[in-house]
Amino acid sequence: MDIKSLLKSGESETLEFKEKFDDRTVESAVAFANAKGGMILKPH
């Protein structure tokens, strides 16, 4: 799946969009890694 398709699909159980990267983002990443191997997208 390409990035445009991911953006169109919206957030889900395995995809979460992040506007900033901080401690809460790290917590989310760990939760995803421990669950179903989701993706986190961060804009430039």
PDB file of N, CA and C in Angstrom:
ATOM      1  N   MET A   1       0.854  -1.179   0.000  1.00  0.00           N
ATOM      2  CA  MET A   1       0.000   0.000   0.000  1.00  0.00           C
ATOM      3  C   MET A   1       0.898   1.241   0.000  1.00  0.00           C
ATOM      4  N   ASP A   2       0.589   2.210  -0.838  1.00  0.00           N
ATOM      5  CA  ASP A   2       1.410   3.420  -0.897  1.00  0.00           C
ATOM      6  C   ASP A   2       0.906   4.468   0.100  1.00  0.00           C
ATOM      7  N   ILE A   3       1.694   5.502   0.283  1.00  0.00           N
ATOM      8  CA  ILE A   3       1.395   6.523   1.294  1.00  0.00           C
ATOM      9  C   ILE A   3       0.069   7.230   1.017  1.00  0.00           C
ATOM     10  N   LYS A   4      -0.247   7.494  -0.250  1.00  0.00           N
ATOM     11  CA  LYS A   4      -1.507   8.173  -0.579  1.00  0.00           C
ATOM     12  C   LYS A   4      -2.706   7.323  -0.177  1.00  0.00           C
ATOM     13  N   SER A   5      -2.614   6.028  -0.410  1.00  0.00           N
ATOM     14  CA  SER A   5      -3.698   5.125  -0.016  1.00  0.00           C
ATOM     15  C   SER A   5      -3.854   5.085   1.495  1.00  0.00           C
ATOM     16  N   LEU A   6      -2.732   5.075   2.202  1.00  0.00           N
ATOM     17  CA  LEU A   6      -2.780   5.073   3.664  1.00  0.00           C
ATOM     18  C   LEU A   6      -3.447   6.340   4.185  1.00  0.00           C
ATOM     19  N   LEU A   7      -3.084   7.487   3.607  1.00  0.00           N
ATOM     20  CA  LEU A   7      -3.671   8.755   4.042  1.00  0.00           C
ATOM     21  C   LEU A   7      -5.173   8.795   3.774  1.00  0.00           C
ATOM     22  N   LYS A   8      -5.590   8.268   2.609  1.00  0.00           N
ATOM     23  CA  LYS A   8      -7.010   8.248   2.264  1.00  0.00           C
ATOM     24  C   LYS A   8      -7.801   7.315   3.172  1.00  0.00           C
ATOM     25  N   SER A   9      -7.171   6.233   3.595  1.00  0.00           N
ATOM     26  CA  SER A   9      -7.893   5.232   4.390  1.00  0.00           C
ATOM     27  C   SER A   9      -8.234   5.727   5.791  1.00  0.00           C
ATOM     28  N   GLY A  10      -7.468   6.683   6.298  1.00  0.00           N
ATOM     29  CA  GLY A  10      -7.731   7.218   7.633  1.00  0.00           C
ATOM     30  C   GLY A  10      -7.192   6.323   8.734  1.00  0.00           C
ATOM     31  N   GLU A  11      -7.274   6.829   9.947  1.00  0.00           N
ATOM     32  CA  GLU A  11      -6.765   6.081  11.091  1.00  0.00           C
ATOM     33  C   GLU A  11      -7.604   4.833  11.329  1.00  0.00           C
ATOM     34  N   SER A  12      -6.941   3.830  11.880  1.00  0.00           N
ATOM     35  CA  SER A  12      -7.613   2.565  12.158  1.00  0.00           C
ATOM     36  C   SER A  12      -6.920   1.884  13.329  1.00  0.00           C
ATOM     37  N   GLU A  13      -7.251   0.624  13.522  1.00  0.00           N
ATOM     38  CA  GLU A  13      -6.635  -0.166  14.582  1.00  0.00           C
ATOM     39  C   GLU A  13      -5.135  -0.344  14.351  1.00  0.00           C
ATOM     40  N   THR A  14      -4.704  -0.241  13.081  1.00  0.00           N
ATOM     41  CA  THR A  14      -3.286  -0.451  12.752  1.00  0.00           C
ATOM     42  C   THR A  14      -2.614   0.746  12.095  1.00  0.00           C
ATOM     43  N   LEU A  15      -3.298   1.885  12.046  1.00  0.00           N
ATOM     44  CA  LEU A  15      -2.714   3.084  11.442  1.00  0.00           C
ATOM     45  C   LEU A  15      -3.107   4.304  12.263  1.00  0.00           C
ATOM     46  N   GLU A  16      -2.112   5.066  12.652  1.00  0.00           N
ATOM     47  CA  GLU A  16      -2.361   6.270  13.453  1.00  0.00           C
ATOM     48  C   GLU A  16      -1.508   7.402  12.901  1.00  0.00           C
ATOM     49  N   PHE A  17      -2.117   8.578  12.726  1.00  0.00           N
ATOM     50  CA  PHE A  17      -1.402   9.755  12.247  1.00  0.00           C
ATOM     51  C   PHE A  17      -0.927  10.580  13.438  1.00  0.00           C
ATOM     52  N   LYS A  18       0.291  11.095  13.364  1.00  0.00           N
ATOM     53  CA  LYS A  18       0.851  11.916  14.437  1.00  0.00           C
ATOM     54  C   LYS A  18       1.326  13.243  13.863  1.00  0.00           C
ATOM     55  N   GLU A  19       1.003  14.346  14.541  1.00  0.00           N
ATOM     56  CA  GLU A  19       1.465  15.667  14.127  1.00  0.00           C
ATOM     57  C   GLU A  19       2.770  16.047  14.794  1.00  0.00           C
ATOM     58  N   LYS A  20       3.053  15.446  15.932  1.00  0.00           N
ATOM     59  CA  LYS A  20       4.309  15.732  16.629  1.00  0.00           C
ATOM     60  C   LYS A  20       4.830  14.434  17.240  1.00  0.00           C
ATOM     61  N   PHE A  21       6.094  14.439  17.606  1.00  0.00           N
ATOM     62  CA  PHE A  21       6.720  13.254  18.186  1.00  0.00           C
ATOM     63  C   PHE A  21       7.197  13.610  19.583  1.00  0.00           C
ATOM     64  N   ASP A  22       6.551  13.016  20.580  1.00  0.00           N
ATOM     65  CA  ASP A  22       6.914  13.279  21.971  1.00  0.00           C
ATOM     66  C   ASP A  22       6.764  11.982  22.776  1.00  0.00           C
ATOM     67  N   ASP A  23       6.777  12.075  24.089  1.00  0.00           N
ATOM     68  CA  ASP A  23       6.675  10.878  24.933  1.00  0.00           C
ATOM     69  C   ASP A  23       5.387  10.101  24.688  1.00  0.00           C
ATOM     70  N   ARG A  24       4.304  10.804  24.431  1.00  0.00           N
ATOM     71  CA  ARG A  24       3.034  10.111  24.167  1.00  0.00           C
ATOM     72  C   ARG A  24       3.108   9.332  22.861  1.00  0.00           C
ATOM     73  N   THR A  25       3.849   9.860  21.890  1.00  0.00           N
ATOM     74  CA  THR A  25       4.028   9.147  20.634  1.00  0.00           C
ATOM     75  C   THR A  25       4.781   7.847  20.873  1.00  0.00           C
ATOM     76  N   VAL A  26       5.796   7.912  21.706  1.00  0.00           N
ATOM     77  CA  VAL A  26       6.562   6.708  22.036  1.00  0.00           C
ATOM     78  C   VAL A  26       5.645   5.680  22.696  1.00  0.00           C
ATOM     79  N   GLU A  27       4.785   6.118  23.591  1.00  0.00           N
ATOM     80  CA  GLU A  27       3.834   5.207  24.234  1.00  0.00           C
ATOM     81  C   GLU A  27       2.931   4.550  23.192  1.00  0.00           C
ATOM     82  N   SER A  28       2.471   5.329  22.222  1.00  0.00           N
ATOM     83  CA  SER A  28       1.633   4.776  21.154  1.00  0.00           C
ATOM     84  C   SER A  28       2.401   3.757  20.325  1.00  0.00           C
ATOM     85  N   ALA A  29       3.653   4.074  20.012  1.00  0.00           N
ATOM     86  CA  ALA A  29       4.473   3.159  19.212  1.00  0.00           C
ATOM     87  C   ALA A  29       4.651   1.829  19.927  1.00  0.00           C
ATOM     88  N   VAL A  30       4.893   1.880  21.215  1.00  0.00           N
ATOM     89  CA  VAL A  30       5.048   0.647  21.994  1.00  0.00           C
ATOM     90  C   VAL A  30       3.736  -0.133  22.005  1.00  0.00           C
ATOM     91  N   ALA A  31       2.627   0.570  22.168  1.00  0.00           N
ATOM     92  CA  ALA A  31       1.327  -0.101  22.168  1.00  0.00           C
ATOM     93  C   ALA A  31       1.064  -0.775  20.824  1.00  0.00           C
ATOM     94  N   PHE A  32       1.389  -0.088  19.728  1.00  0.00           N
ATOM     95  CA  PHE A  32       1.212  -0.681  18.407  1.00  0.00           C
ATOM     96  C   PHE A  32       2.109  -1.903  18.249  1.00  0.00           C
ATOM     97  N   ALA A  33       3.349  -1.788  18.658  1.00  0.00           N
ATOM     98  CA  ALA A  33       4.293  -2.898  18.521  1.00  0.00           C
ATOM     99  C   ALA A  33       3.837  -4.108  19.327  1.00  0.00           C
ATOM    100  N   ASN A  34       3.200  -3.863  20.456  1.00  0.00           N
ATOM    101  CA  ASN A  34       2.733  -4.953  21.308  1.00  0.00           C
ATOM    102  C   ASN A  34       1.399  -5.529  20.844  1.00  0.00           C
ATOM    103  N   ALA A  35       0.737  -4.859  19.921  1.00  0.00           N
ATOM    104  CA  ALA A  35      -0.580  -5.320  19.476  1.00  0.00           C
ATOM    105  C   ALA A  35      -0.479  -6.011  18.122  1.00  0.00           C
ATOM    106  N   LYS A  36      -0.873  -5.317  17.075  1.00  0.00           N
ATOM    107  CA  LYS A  36      -0.974  -5.941  15.757  1.00  0.00           C
ATOM    108  C   LYS A  36       0.037  -5.421  14.747  1.00  0.00           C
ATOM    109  N   GLY A  37       1.097  -4.792  15.194  1.00  0.00           N
ATOM    110  CA  GLY A  37       2.123  -4.335  14.262  1.00  0.00           C
ATOM    111  C   GLY A  37       1.677  -3.213  13.350  1.00  0.00           C
ATOM    112  N   GLY A  38       1.010  -2.213  13.908  1.00  0.00           N
ATOM    113  CA  GLY A  38       0.502  -1.109  13.107  1.00  0.00           C
ATOM    114  C   GLY A  38       1.577  -0.134  12.664  1.00  0.00           C
ATOM    115  N   MET A  39       1.140   0.927  11.981  1.00  0.00           N
ATOM    116  CA  MET A  39       2.037   1.954  11.466  1.00  0.00           C
ATOM    117  C   MET A  39       1.697   3.297  12.086  1.00  0.00           C
ATOM    118  N   ILE A  40       2.709   4.120  12.261  1.00  0.00           N
ATOM    119  CA  ILE A  40       2.527   5.493  12.719  1.00  0.00           C
ATOM    120  C   ILE A  40       3.156   6.399  11.673  1.00  0.00           C
ATOM    121  N   LEU A  41       2.383   7.341  11.140  1.00  0.00           N
ATOM    122  CA  LEU A  41       2.885   8.272  10.134  1.00  0.00           C
ATOM    123  C   LEU A  41       3.061   9.639  10.761  1.00  0.00           C
ATOM    124  N   LYS A  42       4.210  10.243  10.535  1.00  0.00           N
ATOM    125  CA  LYS A  42       4.509  11.575  11.050  1.00  0.00           C
ATOM    126  C   LYS A  42       4.855  12.481   9.877  1.00  0.00           C
ATOM    127  N   PRO A  43       4.174  13.628   9.733  1.00  0.00           N
ATOM    128  CA  PRO A  43       4.505  14.538   8.632  1.00  0.00           C
ATOM    129  C   PRO A  43       5.876  15.165   8.845  1.00  0.00           C
ATOM    130  N   HIS A  44       6.436  15.671   7.772  1.00  0.00           N
ATOM    131  CA  HIS A  44       7.760  16.317   7.842  1.00  0.00           C
ATOM    132  C   HIS A  44       7.671  17.642   8.529  1.00  0.00           C
TER     133      HIS A  44
END
